[in-house]
C-alpha atoms as a PDB file:
ATOM      1  CA  MET A   1      12.233  -0.569   5.908  1.00  0.00           C
ATOM      2  CA  SER A   2      13.186   1.944   3.250  1.00  0.00           C
ATOM      3  CA  GLY A   3      14.836   5.416   3.794  1.00  0.00           C
ATOM      4  CA  LEU A   4      12.605   8.161   3.865  1.00  0.00           C
ATOM      5  CA  GLY A   5      11.457   8.994   0.223  1.00  0.00           C
ATOM      6  CA  ASP A   6      13.253   5.782  -1.380  1.00  0.00           C
ATOM      7  CA  VAL A   7      10.989   2.891  -2.125  1.00  0.00           C
ATOM      8  CA  LEU A   8      12.157   0.335  -4.665  1.00  0.00           C
ATOM      9  CA  LEU A   9       9.215  -1.433  -6.324  1.00  0.00           C
ATOM     10  CA  ASN A  10       9.468  -4.459  -8.713  1.00  0.00           C
ATOM     11  CA  SER A  11       8.311  -3.044 -12.083  1.00  0.00           C
ATOM     12  CA  ALA A  12       7.096  -6.615 -12.992  1.00  0.00           C
ATOM     13  CA  ALA A  13       4.795  -6.954  -9.902  1.00  0.00           C
ATOM     14  CA  PRO A  14       1.112  -6.633 -10.369  1.00  0.00           C
ATOM     15  CA  THR A  15      -0.601  -3.335  -9.284  1.00  0.00           C
ATOM     16  CA  ASP A  16      -2.462  -5.057  -6.246  1.00  0.00           C
ATOM     17  CA  ARG A  17       0.991  -6.033  -5.005  1.00  0.00           C
ATOM     18  CA  LYS A  18       2.465  -2.659  -5.653  1.00  0.00           C
ATOM     19  CA  ARG A  19      -0.377  -0.933  -3.821  1.00  0.00           C
ATOM     20  CA  MET A  20       0.129  -3.108  -0.766  1.00  0.00           C
ATOM     21  CA  THR A  21       4.073  -2.732  -0.689  1.00  0.00           C
ATOM     22  CA  LEU A  22       3.634   0.990  -1.089  1.00  0.00           C
ATOM     23  CA  ALA A  23       0.929   1.262   1.679  1.00  0.00           C
ATOM     24  CA  HIS A  24       3.216  -0.922   3.853  1.00  0.00           C
ATOM     25  CA  GLU A  25       6.169   1.421   3.303  1.00  0.00           C
ATOM     26  CA  LEU A  26       3.954   4.548   3.993  1.00  0.00           C
ATOM     27  CA  GLY A  27       3.107   2.792   7.212  1.00  0.00           C
ATOM     28  CA  HIS A  28       6.859   2.696   7.975  1.00  0.00           C
ATOM     29  CA  LEU A  29       7.071   6.428   7.299  1.00  0.00           C
ATOM     30  CA  VAL A  30       4.140   7.467   9.307  1.00  0.00           C
ATOM     31  CA  LEU A  31       4.662   5.039  12.180  1.00  0.00           C
ATOM     32  CA  HIS A  32       8.545   4.456  12.425  1.00  0.00           C
ATOM     33  CA  SER A  33      10.130   7.487  11.442  1.00  0.00           C
ATOM     34  CA  GLN A  34      10.774   8.670  15.050  1.00  0.00           C
ATOM     35  CA  GLU A  35      10.799   5.300  16.817  1.00  0.00           C
ATOM     36  CA  VAL A  36      11.535   1.784  15.896  1.00  0.00           C
ATOM     37  CA  THR A  37       9.288  -0.709  17.547  1.00  0.00           C
ATOM     38  CA  PRO A  38       9.594  -4.441  18.203  1.00  0.00           C
ATOM     39  CA  GLY A  39       6.425  -5.202  15.968  1.00  0.00           C
ATOM     40  CA  LEU A  40       7.198  -2.628  13.202  1.00  0.00           C
ATOM     41  CA  GLU A  41       6.471  -5.033  10.263  1.00  0.00           C
ATOM     42  CA  ARG A  42       3.252  -6.045  11.922  1.00  0.00           C
ATOM     43  CA  GLU A  43       2.358  -2.696  12.425  1.00  0.00           C
ATOM     44  CA  ALA A  44       3.288  -1.469   8.923  1.00  0.00           C
ATOM     45  CA  GLY A  45       1.214  -4.261   7.627  1.00  0.00           C
ATOM     46  CA  GLU A  46      -1.999  -3.374   9.684  1.00  0.00           C
ATOM     47  CA  PHE A  47      -1.467   0.192   8.726  1.00  0.00           C
ATOM     48  CA  ALA A  48      -1.577  -0.762   4.953  1.00  0.00           C
ATOM     49  CA  ALA A  49      -4.566  -2.946   5.184  1.00  0.00           C
ATOM     50  CA  GLU A  50      -6.324  -0.176   7.044  1.00  0.00           C
ATOM     51  CA  PHE A  51      -5.085   2.588   4.576  1.00  0.00           C
ATOM     52  CA  LEU A  52      -6.342   0.366   1.468  1.00  0.00           C
ATOM     53  CA  MET A  53      -9.143  -1.379   2.928  1.00  0.00           C
ATOM     54  CA  PRO A  54     -10.664   0.703   5.929  1.00  0.00           C
ATOM     55  CA  ILE A  55     -12.506  -1.978   8.094  1.00  0.00           C
ATOM     56  CA  GLU A  56     -15.752   0.112   8.716  1.00  0.00           C
ATOM     57  CA  VAL A  57     -16.028   0.399   4.854  1.00  0.00           C
ATOM     58  CA  ILE A  58     -15.268  -3.161   3.982  1.00  0.00           C
ATOM     59  CA  ARG A  59     -16.594  -5.072   6.926  1.00  0.00           C
ATOM     60  CA  THR A  60     -19.922  -6.069   5.272  1.00  0.00           C
ATOM     61  CA  GLN A  61     -18.220  -7.238   2.023  1.00  0.00           C
ATOM     62  CA  LEU A  62     -15.803  -9.621   3.957  1.00  0.00           C
ATOM     63  CA  ARG A  63     -18.666 -11.398   5.793  1.00  0.00           C
ATOM     64  CA  ASN A  64     -18.992 -15.098   4.800  1.00  0.00           C
ATOM     65  CA  LEU A  65     -16.315 -14.475   2.229  1.00  0.00           C
ATOM     66  CA  LYS A  66     -16.058 -17.100  -0.544  1.00  0.00           C
ATOM     67  CA  HIS A  67     -13.487 -17.845  -3.231  1.00  0.00           C
ATOM     68  CA  GLY A  68     -16.302 -16.743  -5.884  1.00  0.00           C
ATOM     69  CA  ARG A  69     -16.429 -13.332  -4.341  1.00  0.00           C
ATOM     70  CA  LEU A  70     -12.747 -12.540  -4.435  1.00  0.00           C
ATOM     71  CA  HIS A  71     -12.441 -11.616  -8.156  1.00  0.00           C
ATOM     72  CA  ASP A  72     -15.033  -8.759  -7.678  1.00  0.00           C
ATOM     73  CA  LEU A  73     -13.586  -7.712  -4.270  1.00  0.00           C
ATOM     74  CA  LYS A  74     -10.106  -7.507  -5.888  1.00  0.00           C
ATOM     75  CA  ARG A  75     -11.296  -5.395  -8.852  1.00  0.00           C
ATOM     76  CA  GLU A  76     -13.067  -2.904  -6.503  1.00  0.00           C
ATOM     77  CA  TRP A  77     -10.366  -2.485  -3.735  1.00  0.00           C
ATOM     78  CA  GLY A  78      -7.241  -2.992  -5.936  1.00  0.00           C
ATOM     79  CA  VAL A  79      -5.628  -5.645  -3.364  1.00  0.00           C
ATOM     80  CA  SER A  80      -5.047  -9.203  -3.820  1.00  0.00           C
ATOM     81  CA  MET A  81      -7.263 -12.017  -2.980  1.00  0.00           C
ATOM     82  CA  GLN A  82      -4.963 -12.895  -0.199  1.00  0.00           C
ATOM     83  CA  ALA A  83      -4.885  -9.385   1.252  1.00  0.00           C
ATOM     84  CA  LEU A  84      -8.789  -9.712   1.256  1.00  0.00           C
ATOM     85  CA  ILE A  85      -8.592 -12.965   3.054  1.00  0.00           C
ATOM     86  CA  GLU A  86      -6.071 -11.623   5.887  1.00  0.00           C
ATOM     87  CA  ARG A  87      -8.157  -8.606   6.321  1.00  0.00           C
ATOM     88  CA  ALA A  88     -11.249 -10.638   6.804  1.00  0.00           C
ATOM     89  CA  TYR A  89      -9.263 -13.049   9.157  1.00  0.00           C
ATOM     90  CA  ASP A  90      -7.728 -10.250  11.110  1.00  0.00           C
ATOM     91  CA  ALA A  91     -11.148  -8.728  11.626  1.00  0.00           C
ATOM     92  CA  ARG A  92     -12.297 -11.967  12.814  1.00  0.00           C
ATOM     93  CA  LEU A  93     -14.949 -12.146  10.144  1.00  0.00           C
ATOM     94  CA  MET A  94     -13.828 -15.649   9.530  1.00  0.00           C
ATOM     95  CA  THR A  95     -12.288 -18.666  11.556  1.00  0.00           C
ATOM     96  CA  ALA A  96      -8.984 -20.095  10.967  1.00  0.00           C
ATOM     97  CA  ALA A  97     -10.516 -23.085   9.275  1.00  0.00           C
ATOM     98  CA  GLU A  98     -12.262 -20.920   6.836  1.00  0.00           C
ATOM     99  CA  ARG A  99      -9.168 -19.093   6.178  1.00  0.00           C
ATOM    100  CA  ALA A 100      -7.190 -22.305   5.503  1.00  0.00           C
ATOM    101  CA  ASN A 101     -10.200 -23.707   3.175  1.00  0.00           C
ATOM    102  CA  LEU A 102      -9.853 -20.314   1.176  1.00  0.00           C
ATOM    103  CA  TYR A 103      -5.987 -20.595   0.713  1.00  0.00           C
ATOM    104  CA  ARG A 104      -6.608 -24.376  -0.185  1.00  0.00           C
ATOM    105  CA  ALA A 105      -8.895 -23.146  -2.943  1.00  0.00           C
ATOM    106  CA  LEU A 106      -6.435 -20.569  -4.096  1.00  0.00           C
ATOM    107  CA  SER A 107      -3.677 -23.042  -4.265  1.00  0.00           C
ATOM    108  CA  GLY A 108      -5.698 -25.777  -5.958  1.00  0.00           C
ATOM    109  CA  ARG A 109      -6.062 -23.174  -8.836  1.00  0.00           C
ATOM    110  CA  GLY A 110      -2.653 -22.113  -8.806  1.00  0.00           C
ATOM    111  CA  TRP A 111      -3.645 -18.578  -7.501  1.00  0.00           C
ATOM    112  CA  ARG A 112      -1.218 -18.278  -4.724  1.00  0.00           C
ATOM    113  CA  THR A 113       1.693 -17.220  -7.035  1.00  0.00           C
ATOM    114  CA  HIS A 114      -0.591 -15.902  -9.841  1.00  0.00           C
ATOM    115  CA  GLU A 115      -3.905 -14.393  -9.065  1.00  0.00           C
ATOM    116  CA  PRO A 116      -6.473 -13.743 -11.625  1.00  0.00           C
ATOM    117  CA  VAL A 117      -7.700 -10.308 -12.220  1.00  0.00           C
ATOM    118  CA  SER A 118      -4.440  -8.639 -11.640  1.00  0.00           C
ATOM    119  CA  ASP A 119      -3.920  -7.596 -15.276  1.00  0.00           C
ATOM    120  CA  GLU A 120      -7.200  -5.866 -15.271  1.00  0.00           C
ATOM    121  CA  LEU A 121      -5.922  -3.561 -12.518  1.00  0.00           C
ATOM    122  CA  PRO A 122      -4.460  -0.328 -14.111  1.00  0.00           C
ATOM    123  CA  PRO A 123      -1.158   0.734 -13.006  1.00  0.00           C
ATOM    124  CA  GLU A 124      -0.972   3.649 -10.548  1.00  0.00           C
ATOM    125  CA  HIS A 125       1.366   6.704 -10.341  1.00  0.00           C
ATOM    126  CA  ALA A 126       1.858   8.734  -7.246  1.00  0.00           C
ATOM    127  CA  GLU A 127       1.266  12.594  -7.699  1.00  0.00           C
ATOM    128  CA  LEU A 128       0.226  13.955  -4.177  1.00  0.00           C
ATOM    129  CA  ALA A 129       3.770  14.595  -2.999  1.00  0.00           C
ATOM    130  CA  GLN A 130       4.558  16.269  -6.529  1.00  0.00           C
ATOM    131  CA  HIS A 131       1.433  18.391  -6.377  1.00  0.00           C
ATOM    132  CA  VAL A 132       2.278  19.470  -2.875  1.00  0.00           C
ATOM    133  CA  GLY A 133       5.750  20.530  -3.855  1.00  0.00           C
ATOM    134  CA  GLN A 134       4.137  22.302  -6.843  1.00  0.00           C
ATOM    135  CA  ALA A 135       1.377  24.140  -4.590  1.00  0.00           C
ATOM    136  CA  LEU A 136       4.022  25.248  -2.113  1.00  0.00           C
ATOM    137  CA  SER A 137       6.325  26.542  -4.933  1.00  0.00           C
ATOM    138  CA  ALA A 138       3.278  28.458  -6.534  1.00  0.00           C
ATOM    139  CA  LYS A 139       2.667  30.130  -3.117  1.00  0.00           C
ATOM    140  CA  GLY A 140       6.290  31.675  -3.332  1.00  0.00           C
ATOM    141  CA  LEU A 141       8.171  29.195  -1.349  1.00  0.00           C
ATOM    142  CA  THR A 142      11.610  28.252  -2.287  1.00  0.00           C
ATOM    143  CA  SER A 143      13.010  24.823  -2.792  1.00  0.00           C
ATOM    144  CA  ASP A 144      14.926  25.344   0.452  1.00  0.00           C
ATOM    145  CA  ASP A 145      11.909  26.361   2.235  1.00  0.00           C
ATOM    146  CA  ILE A 146       9.827  23.412   0.948  1.00  0.00           C
ATOM    147  CA  ALA A 147      12.566  21.065   2.275  1.00  0.00           C
ATOM    148  CA  HIS A 148      12.971  22.690   5.699  1.00  0.00           C
ATOM    149  CA  LEU A 149       8.919  22.569   6.107  1.00  0.00           C
ATOM    150  CA  ALA A 150       9.209  18.816   5.145  1.00  0.00           C
ATOM    151  CA  GLY A 151      11.841  18.181   7.734  1.00  0.00           C
ATOM    152  CA  PHE A 152      14.770  17.708   5.148  1.00  0.00           C
ATOM    153  CA  ALA A 153      18.132  19.111   5.981  1.00  0.00           C
ATOM    154  CA  SER A 154      18.376  20.830   2.438  1.00  0.00           C
ATOM    155  CA  ASP A 155      16.797  20.833  -0.986  1.00  0.00           C
ATOM    156  CA  GLU A 156      19.023  18.109  -2.003  1.00  0.00           C
ATOM    157  CA  ASP A 157      17.972  15.854   0.458  1.00  0.00           C
ATOM    158  CA  ASN A 158      14.262  16.404  -0.377  1.00  0.00           C
ATOM    159  CA  GLN A 159      13.236  13.781  -2.950  1.00  0.00           C
ATOM    160  CA  LEU A 160       9.693  13.798  -1.802  1.00  0.00           C
ATOM    161  CA  PHE A 161       8.197  17.283  -2.209  1.00  0.00           C
ATOM    162  CA  ARG A 162       9.827  18.463  -5.146  1.00  0.00           C
ATOM    163  CA  PRO A 163       7.980  19.740  -8.170  1.00  0.00           C
ATOM    164  CA  GLY A 164       8.743  17.462 -11.195  1.00  0.00           C
ATOM    165  CA  ILE A 165      10.630  14.674  -9.369  1.00  0.00           C
ATOM    166  CA  ARG A 166       9.169  11.096  -9.796  1.00  0.00           C
ATOM    167  CA  GLN A 167       8.534   9.569  -6.434  1.00  0.00           C
ATOM    168  CA  LEU A 168       8.884   5.986  -7.379  1.00  0.00           C
ATOM    169  CA  ARG A 169      11.844   4.068  -8.811  1.00  0.00           C
ATOM    170  CA  SER A 170      10.898   0.717 -10.212  1.00  0.00           C
ATOM    171  CA  VAL A 171      13.566  -2.020 -10.430  1.00  0.00           C
END
């Protein structure tokens, strides 16, 4: 789990992996900023899956999932094929045997370590927090006011809602 506002991201990772990592870390910020639970990693993963692939929206696309559809779904949802498989499995839209068969198919093609379509997904850049900071500043709030509203002790601690600050540091 990262500290509030600090997420280190592998700049070489494909966009689909970065999206899942960031959604997972967002899950920690939302779910675990006040309380650490025994299932925090599972909970953050579930949050990320629902955030990126809301089950009520994606459910019909995950029914009878075959490896041939994974390319199209990856393009549409911007997540890895493995994340799509796990989403279908967790939603009980496939059996353990069907899941294992899909993973065998991925492994047989060498896609467990390097999935196709990843290079087609454009990189994303987080802008919302910066826009929130700019909007608050435009309303006349000082940097200290914004930090206080966001729950930070001081402006120096607020690395999230500061206009002009990039949110992500790639490593």
